Protein backbone atom coordinates (compact mmCIF):
# COMPACT_ATOMS: atom_id res chain seq x y z
CA UNK A 1 44.92 102.19 89.93
CA UNK A 2 41.67 103.07 88.16
CA UNK A 3 43.51 103.97 84.97
CA UNK A 4 44.94 100.44 84.76
CA UNK A 5 41.44 98.96 84.82
CA UNK A 6 39.92 101.50 82.42
CA UNK A 7 42.64 101.72 79.75
CA UNK A 8 41.54 100.43 76.35
CA UNK A 9 43.03 100.42 72.86
CA UNK A 10 41.27 103.30 71.13
CA UNK A 11 41.44 103.43 67.34
CA UNK A 12 38.89 106.12 66.41
CA UNK A 13 39.66 109.70 67.25
CA UNK A 14 38.12 113.16 67.18
CA UNK A 15 39.88 115.83 65.09
CA UNK A 16 40.84 117.81 68.24
CA UNK A 17 44.54 118.61 68.65
CA UNK A 18 46.40 117.32 71.69
CA UNK A 19 47.88 120.06 73.81
CA UNK A 20 51.68 120.34 74.03
CA UNK A 21 51.67 120.19 77.84
CA UNK A 22 49.81 116.86 77.71
CA UNK A 23 52.33 115.44 75.26
CA UNK A 24 55.10 116.45 77.67
CA UNK A 25 53.29 114.78 80.60
CA UNK A 26 53.03 111.60 78.53
CA UNK A 27 56.74 111.69 77.71
CA UNK A 28 57.64 112.38 81.34
CA UNK A 29 55.66 109.27 82.31
CA UNK A 30 57.53 107.23 79.70
CA UNK A 31 60.87 108.32 81.08
CA UNK A 32 59.87 107.36 84.64
CA UNK A 33 59.87 103.71 83.58
CA UNK A 34 62.35 101.40 85.24
CA UNK A 35 65.17 100.14 83.05
CA UNK A 36 67.81 97.46 83.46
CA UNK A 37 70.95 98.84 85.07
CA UNK A 38 69.40 102.30 84.58
CA UNK A 39 70.45 102.25 80.93
CA UNK A 40 67.43 104.27 79.78
CA UNK A 41 67.96 103.38 76.12
CA UNK A 42 64.76 105.05 74.94
CA UNK A 43 64.38 107.87 72.46
CA UNK A 44 61.05 109.33 71.33
CA UNK A 45 59.80 110.93 68.14
CA UNK A 46 56.53 112.88 68.41
CA UNK A 47 54.63 113.60 65.22
CA UNK A 48 51.56 115.84 65.15
CA UNK A 49 51.71 117.15 61.58
CA UNK A 50 48.57 116.04 59.73
CA UNK A 51 50.30 115.45 56.38
CA UNK A 52 53.06 113.43 58.00
CA UNK A 53 50.57 111.30 59.96
CA UNK A 54 48.66 110.64 56.73
CA UNK A 55 51.87 109.66 54.91
CA UNK A 56 52.95 107.35 57.72
CA UNK A 57 49.53 105.67 57.81
CA UNK A 58 50.51 103.98 54.53
CA UNK A 59 53.88 102.59 55.71
CA UNK A 60 52.59 99.41 57.37
CA UNK A 61 49.19 97.75 57.51
CA UNK A 62 48.89 98.19 61.28
CA UNK A 63 49.49 101.96 60.99
CA UNK A 64 46.27 102.87 59.13
CA UNK A 65 44.72 104.48 62.22
CA UNK A 66 47.23 107.32 61.96
CA UNK A 67 44.78 108.79 59.40
CA UNK A 68 42.56 109.74 62.35
CA UNK A 69 45.18 110.11 65.08
CA UNK A 70 46.13 113.59 66.19
CA UNK A 71 49.59 112.52 67.33
CA UNK A 72 51.94 109.59 67.19
CA UNK A 73 54.82 108.73 69.47
CA UNK A 74 57.46 106.43 68.05
CA UNK A 75 59.71 104.81 70.61
CA UNK A 76 63.26 103.85 69.70
CA UNK A 77 66.18 102.33 71.50
CA UNK A 78 69.76 103.40 71.16
CA UNK A 79 71.79 100.42 69.97
CA UNK A 80 75.20 101.59 71.19
CA UNK A 81 76.69 101.65 74.68
CA UNK A 82 73.98 99.54 76.31
CA UNK A 83 74.77 98.32 79.80
CA UNK A 84 72.09 95.59 79.65
CA UNK A 85 71.34 94.89 75.95
CA UNK A 86 69.32 91.75 76.64
CA UNK A 87 66.74 93.83 78.52
CA UNK A 88 66.08 96.56 75.95
CA UNK A 89 62.72 95.05 74.99
CA UNK A 90 61.60 95.09 78.61
CA UNK A 91 62.81 98.68 79.06
CA UNK A 92 60.93 99.90 76.00
CA UNK A 93 57.83 97.86 76.79
CA UNK A 94 57.43 99.42 80.21
CA UNK A 95 58.10 102.91 78.80
CA UNK A 96 55.42 102.25 76.18
CA UNK A 97 53.00 101.07 78.86
CA UNK A 98 53.63 104.24 80.85
CA UNK A 99 52.74 106.25 77.73
CA UNK A 100 49.47 104.34 77.39
CA UNK A 101 48.56 104.78 81.04
CA UNK A 102 49.36 108.50 81.24
CA UNK A 103 47.53 109.21 77.99
CA UNK A 104 44.48 107.38 79.33
CA UNK A 105 44.72 109.28 82.62
CA UNK A 106 44.63 112.52 80.58
CA UNK A 107 41.56 111.35 78.63
CA UNK A 108 43.56 110.75 75.45
CA UNK A 109 42.77 107.59 73.52
CA UNK A 110 45.73 105.48 72.54
CA UNK A 111 46.77 102.27 70.87
CA UNK A 112 50.09 100.41 70.95
CA UNK A 113 51.07 99.43 67.41
CA UNK A 114 53.65 96.68 67.51
CA UNK A 115 56.77 97.10 65.40
CA UNK A 116 59.84 95.46 66.98
CA UNK A 117 60.97 92.65 66.61
CA UNK A 118 59.06 92.32 63.30
CA UNK A 119 61.99 93.22 61.03
CA UNK A 120 59.77 93.74 58.00
CA UNK A 121 57.78 96.41 59.85
CA UNK A 122 60.79 98.01 61.50
CA UNK A 123 62.71 98.28 58.23
CA UNK A 124 59.77 100.02 56.52
CA UNK A 125 59.25 102.38 59.46
CA UNK A 126 62.94 103.15 59.93
CA UNK A 127 63.22 103.95 56.22
CA UNK A 128 60.07 106.11 56.20
CA UNK A 129 61.28 108.08 59.23
CA UNK A 130 64.92 108.34 58.19
CA UNK A 131 65.92 106.76 61.50
CA UNK A 132 69.60 107.34 62.36
CA UNK A 133 71.80 104.21 62.25
CA UNK A 134 72.34 104.15 66.01
CA UNK A 135 68.59 103.86 66.72
CA UNK A 136 66.05 101.08 66.20
CA UNK A 137 62.30 101.70 66.20
CA UNK A 138 60.48 99.70 68.84
CA UNK A 139 56.84 100.76 69.06
CA UNK A 140 54.34 103.29 67.86
CA UNK A 141 51.54 104.74 69.95
CA UNK A 142 48.69 106.49 68.18
CA UNK A 143 47.00 109.24 70.18
CA UNK A 144 43.78 111.21 69.94
CA UNK A 145 40.71 112.15 71.89
CA UNK A 146 38.28 109.21 71.54
CA UNK A 147 35.17 109.46 69.37
CA UNK A 148 33.43 107.04 71.73
CA UNK A 149 32.51 108.86 74.97
CA UNK A 150 32.60 105.49 76.78
CA UNK A 151 36.06 104.55 75.48
CA UNK A 152 37.52 104.17 78.96
CA UNK A 153 35.46 101.55 80.74
CA UNK A 154 36.18 98.66 83.05
CA UNK A 155 36.23 95.10 81.74
CA UNK A 156 37.07 92.39 84.28
CA UNK A 157 39.84 90.27 82.78
CA UNK A 158 40.83 88.42 85.94
CA UNK A 159 41.16 84.67 85.29
CA UNK A 160 41.76 82.87 88.59
CA UNK A 161 42.50 79.58 86.79
CA UNK A 162 45.72 81.17 85.49
CA UNK A 163 47.07 81.84 88.98
CA UNK A 164 49.11 79.34 90.99
CA UNK A 165 49.98 79.64 94.66
CA UNK A 166 53.12 77.97 95.92
CA UNK A 167 53.11 75.08 93.36
CA UNK A 168 51.91 74.28 89.86
């Protein structure tokens, strides 16, 4: 549970490469996410090439941090043959959260960059990536070892006034 309380959005990264085995652990965590009717609509694109990260940093205003990131994971959902299409956003959100948590657990800074359902952003990103027609980009997670040695620290965000017991 400590990782839940210590995870932060990290936007400034060291130039150190992220090891392949850690990327695989992160992807394994993503694919452990629950999904509606076990549809598992997710697909993942991992980019670690410096020139490609630099190019992609210019695609949308919220993607600038890719200039410093050492990796990026784009999440997509397959649009065809969904058994529970109304729940795709939930499926991909929990997969994205698992990526954030596992990366943090491994000491890798991360930040969720929202794309879907902003159609302006998704169209730019899909075009820049050459996304196949049967996929739709959902989110982007930037990854890198944090510059700030205290990047993962606890901040109490509990707000008891937002909790109701039994009745409103």
